[in-house]
Amino acid sequence: MSNTTKLALEASLKKLLLHKKIDKITINDLTADCGISRMAFYYHFKDIYDLVEWVCVEDGKRALKDKKTYDTWQEGMHQIFEAVVENRPFILNVYSAVSRKKIESYLYKLTYQLIADVVEEKCVGTKLQEGDKAFIAEFYKYGFVGIMLDWIDRGMKDDYEEIVRKMSITLHGNITNSIHNFEQEKKK
């Protein structure tokens, strides 16, 4: 039942954001729209921004489902861009009302796991330390998120398929090369 309530609140928030700025939406607006009590809202979320964070992370998880391998990460990135485009009013409204730091945090959570899974897959059979794996994933995470934030900042006007294609070209073999370079450094 609780996931049903969260999904109803997500739908209400996205619907209300088509007509109102996020800082003008109240808890009463949300609960009235989806027919629940204020108490039910506060059972799941501490405030509207907590709901926004949950929505962003859940949308991202749905977009990335089963796309966390080296062979499928491009599809995963493509699906993240598609999810952002599908939720354009939501994303642009949140982006303009919430600090860039908060949006970065949402995207970092989403992107890090995708890249960490790819790094882990490419490290099979190596003795690379966990800290080095995490460093590689963090490095690429910042690149992905920076590119996506710039795209959002420009109003999502650029062709995201072209962005994903260029990311793919740029990264082709680089995660594997980074792992190899770390291993070579340890042997010195």
Protein backbone atom coordinates (compact mmCIF):
# COMPACT_ATOMS: atom_id res chain seq x y z
CA MET A 1 0.00 0.00 0.00
CA SER A 2 2.79 2.46 0.88
CA ASN A 3 4.34 2.27 -2.60
CA THR A 4 0.90 2.97 -4.06
CA THR A 5 0.71 6.14 -1.95
CA LYS A 6 4.18 7.24 -3.04
CA LEU A 7 3.32 6.64 -6.70
CA ALA A 8 0.07 8.59 -6.29
CA LEU A 9 2.02 11.50 -4.78
CA GLU A 10 4.52 11.31 -7.66
CA ALA A 11 1.71 11.47 -10.22
CA SER A 12 0.08 14.39 -8.39
CA LEU A 13 3.35 16.29 -8.16
CA LYS A 14 4.07 15.85 -11.87
CA LYS A 15 0.51 16.88 -12.74
CA LEU A 16 0.62 19.99 -10.53
CA LEU A 17 4.03 21.00 -11.91
CA LEU A 18 2.45 21.41 -15.33
CA HIS A 19 0.57 24.44 -13.96
CA LYS A 20 2.51 25.67 -10.91
CA LYS A 21 6.08 26.33 -9.86
CA ILE A 22 7.36 23.85 -7.30
CA ASP A 23 7.75 26.54 -4.64
CA LYS A 24 4.03 27.36 -5.02
CA ILE A 25 2.82 23.76 -4.53
CA THR A 26 1.72 22.92 -1.01
CA ILE A 27 1.31 19.66 0.82
CA ASN A 28 -2.44 20.41 0.80
CA ASP A 29 -2.36 20.68 -3.00
CA LEU A 30 -0.69 17.28 -3.29
CA THR A 31 -2.85 15.47 -0.76
CA ALA A 32 -6.08 16.94 -2.13
CA ASP A 33 -5.12 15.97 -5.67
CA CYS A 34 -4.45 12.33 -4.81
CA GLY A 35 -7.07 11.98 -2.08
CA ILE A 36 -4.87 11.21 0.92
CA SER A 37 -4.41 12.87 4.28
CA ARG A 38 -1.54 15.17 5.22
CA MET A 39 -0.56 12.56 7.79
CA ALA A 40 -0.16 10.00 4.99
CA PHE A 41 2.14 12.39 3.14
CA TYR A 42 4.30 12.93 6.22
CA TYR A 43 4.42 9.20 6.85
CA HIS A 44 6.43 8.86 3.61
CA PHE A 45 8.17 12.21 3.09
CA LYS A 46 9.44 15.02 5.31
CA ASP A 47 8.62 17.74 2.75
CA ILE A 48 7.98 18.34 -0.95
CA TYR A 49 11.70 18.35 -1.74
CA ASP A 50 12.06 14.94 -0.15
CA LEU A 51 9.30 13.77 -2.53
CA VAL A 52 11.12 15.43 -5.45
CA GLU A 53 14.33 13.57 -4.58
CA TRP A 54 12.46 10.27 -4.33
CA VAL A 55 10.78 10.90 -7.71
CA CYS A 56 14.12 11.69 -9.39
CA VAL A 57 15.81 8.59 -7.99
CA GLU A 58 12.85 6.32 -8.81
CA ASP A 59 12.57 7.68 -12.37
CA GLY A 60 16.27 7.04 -12.77
CA LYS A 61 16.05 3.51 -11.44
CA ARG A 62 13.22 2.75 -13.85
CA ALA A 63 15.23 4.22 -16.72
CA LEU A 64 18.35 2.21 -15.85
CA LYS A 65 16.67 -1.11 -15.19
CA ASP A 66 18.96 -3.87 -16.51
CA LYS A 67 21.26 -1.39 -18.29
CA LYS A 68 24.25 -1.47 -15.95
CA THR A 69 26.81 -3.45 -17.89
CA TYR A 70 29.63 -2.37 -20.17
CA ASP A 71 27.65 -3.49 -23.21
CA THR A 72 24.45 -1.71 -22.15
CA TRP A 73 25.57 1.45 -20.31
CA GLN A 74 24.98 3.55 -23.45
CA GLU A 75 21.37 2.33 -23.49
CA GLY A 76 21.15 3.23 -19.81
CA MET A 77 22.40 6.77 -20.46
CA HIS A 78 20.05 7.05 -23.42
CA GLN A 79 17.16 5.98 -21.19
CA ILE A 80 18.14 8.51 -18.51
CA PHE A 81 18.04 11.27 -21.15
CA GLU A 82 14.67 9.94 -22.39
CA ALA A 83 13.30 9.94 -18.84
CA VAL A 84 14.44 13.54 -18.41
CA VAL A 85 12.78 14.53 -21.71
CA GLU A 86 9.55 12.71 -20.79
CA ASN A 87 9.50 14.62 -17.52
CA ARG A 88 10.66 17.91 -19.05
CA PRO A 89 8.20 20.18 -17.19
CA PHE A 90 9.05 18.45 -13.91
CA ILE A 91 12.81 18.62 -14.48
CA LEU A 92 12.91 22.24 -15.69
CA ASN A 93 10.59 23.36 -12.88
CA VAL A 94 12.67 21.59 -10.24
CA TYR A 95 15.92 22.76 -11.86
CA SER A 96 14.83 26.40 -11.74
CA ALA A 97 13.50 26.24 -8.16
CA VAL A 98 16.00 23.95 -6.43
CA SER A 99 19.69 24.65 -6.10
CA ARG A 100 21.98 23.19 -8.77
CA LYS A 101 23.77 21.40 -5.94
CA LYS A 102 20.60 19.45 -5.11
CA ILE A 103 20.05 18.45 -8.75
CA GLU A 104 23.72 17.40 -8.96
CA SER A 105 23.21 15.24 -5.89
CA TYR A 106 20.21 13.47 -7.48
CA LEU A 107 22.12 12.85 -10.71
CA TYR A 108 25.27 11.73 -8.89
CA LYS A 109 23.33 9.06 -7.00
CA LEU A 110 21.80 7.81 -10.20
CA THR A 111 24.90 7.90 -12.38
CA TYR A 112 27.42 6.59 -9.86
CA GLN A 113 25.78 3.19 -9.56
CA LEU A 114 25.60 2.77 -13.33
CA ILE A 115 29.32 3.48 -13.70
CA ALA A 116 30.34 1.55 -10.57
CA ASP A 117 28.60 -1.54 -11.95
CA VAL A 118 30.45 -1.15 -15.27
CA VAL A 119 33.79 -0.68 -13.47
CA GLU A 120 33.11 -3.73 -11.29
CA GLU A 121 32.31 -5.81 -14.36
CA LYS A 122 35.50 -4.72 -16.11
CA CYS A 123 37.57 -5.45 -12.96
CA VAL A 124 36.70 -9.16 -12.89
CA GLY A 125 39.99 -11.06 -12.72
CA THR A 126 41.96 -8.04 -11.53
CA LYS A 127 43.22 -7.20 -8.06
CA LEU A 128 42.24 -3.56 -8.23
CA GLN A 129 41.49 -2.16 -4.79
CA GLU A 130 37.99 -0.97 -3.92
CA GLY A 131 39.22 2.61 -3.44
CA ASP A 132 40.69 2.66 -6.93
CA LYS A 133 37.49 1.25 -8.43
CA ALA A 134 35.49 3.92 -6.61
CA PHE A 135 37.87 6.63 -7.87
CA ILE A 136 37.40 5.54 -11.48
CA ALA A 137 33.61 5.47 -11.09
CA GLU A 138 33.63 8.90 -9.39
CA PHE A 139 35.79 10.37 -12.17
CA TYR A 140 33.42 9.31 -14.95
CA LYS A 141 30.35 10.16 -12.87
CA TYR A 142 31.39 13.80 -12.76
CA GLY A 143 31.78 13.90 -16.54
CA PHE A 144 28.36 12.35 -17.15
CA VAL A 145 26.58 14.61 -14.69
CA GLY A 146 28.35 17.74 -15.96
CA ILE A 147 27.29 17.01 -19.52
CA MET A 148 23.70 16.33 -18.47
CA LEU A 149 23.51 19.48 -16.32
CA ASP A 150 24.83 21.61 -19.18
CA TRP A 151 22.20 20.05 -21.46
CA ILE A 152 19.42 20.79 -18.94
CA ASP A 153 20.79 24.31 -18.43
CA ARG A 154 20.50 24.93 -22.19
CA GLY A 155 16.82 23.95 -22.00
CA MET A 156 17.33 20.38 -23.28
CA LYS A 157 17.43 21.68 -26.86
CA ASP A 158 20.41 19.64 -28.07
CA ASP A 159 19.81 16.17 -29.49
CA TYR A 160 20.45 13.86 -26.54
CA GLU A 161 21.04 10.90 -28.87
CA GLU A 162 24.00 12.80 -30.33
CA ILE A 163 25.26 13.54 -26.81
CA VAL A 164 25.09 9.84 -25.85
CA ARG A 165 26.83 8.92 -29.12
CA LYS A 166 29.67 11.36 -28.41
CA MET A 167 29.95 10.10 -24.83
CA SER A 168 30.21 6.57 -26.17
CA ILE A 169 32.98 7.55 -28.58
CA THR A 170 34.84 9.43 -25.86
CA LEU A 171 34.61 6.60 -23.36
CA HIS A 172 35.18 3.66 -25.69
CA GLY A 173 37.81 1.56 -23.94
CA ASN A 174 38.68 4.26 -21.42
CA ILE A 175 37.27 2.54 -18.33
CA THR A 176 39.21 -0.60 -19.21
CA ASN A 177 42.29 1.53 -19.89
CA SER A 178 41.89 3.29 -16.53
CA ILE A 179 41.73 -0.07 -14.75
CA HIS A 180 44.84 -1.23 -16.64
CA ASN A 181 46.69 2.00 -15.75
CA PHE A 182 45.89 1.58 -12.04
CA GLU A 183 47.13 -2.02 -12.13
CA GLN A 184 50.37 -0.94 -13.85
CA GLU A 185 50.89 1.79 -11.27
CA LYS A 186 50.59 -0.74 -8.42
CA LYS A 187 53.31 -2.90 -9.99
CA LYS A 188 55.86 -0.06 -9.89
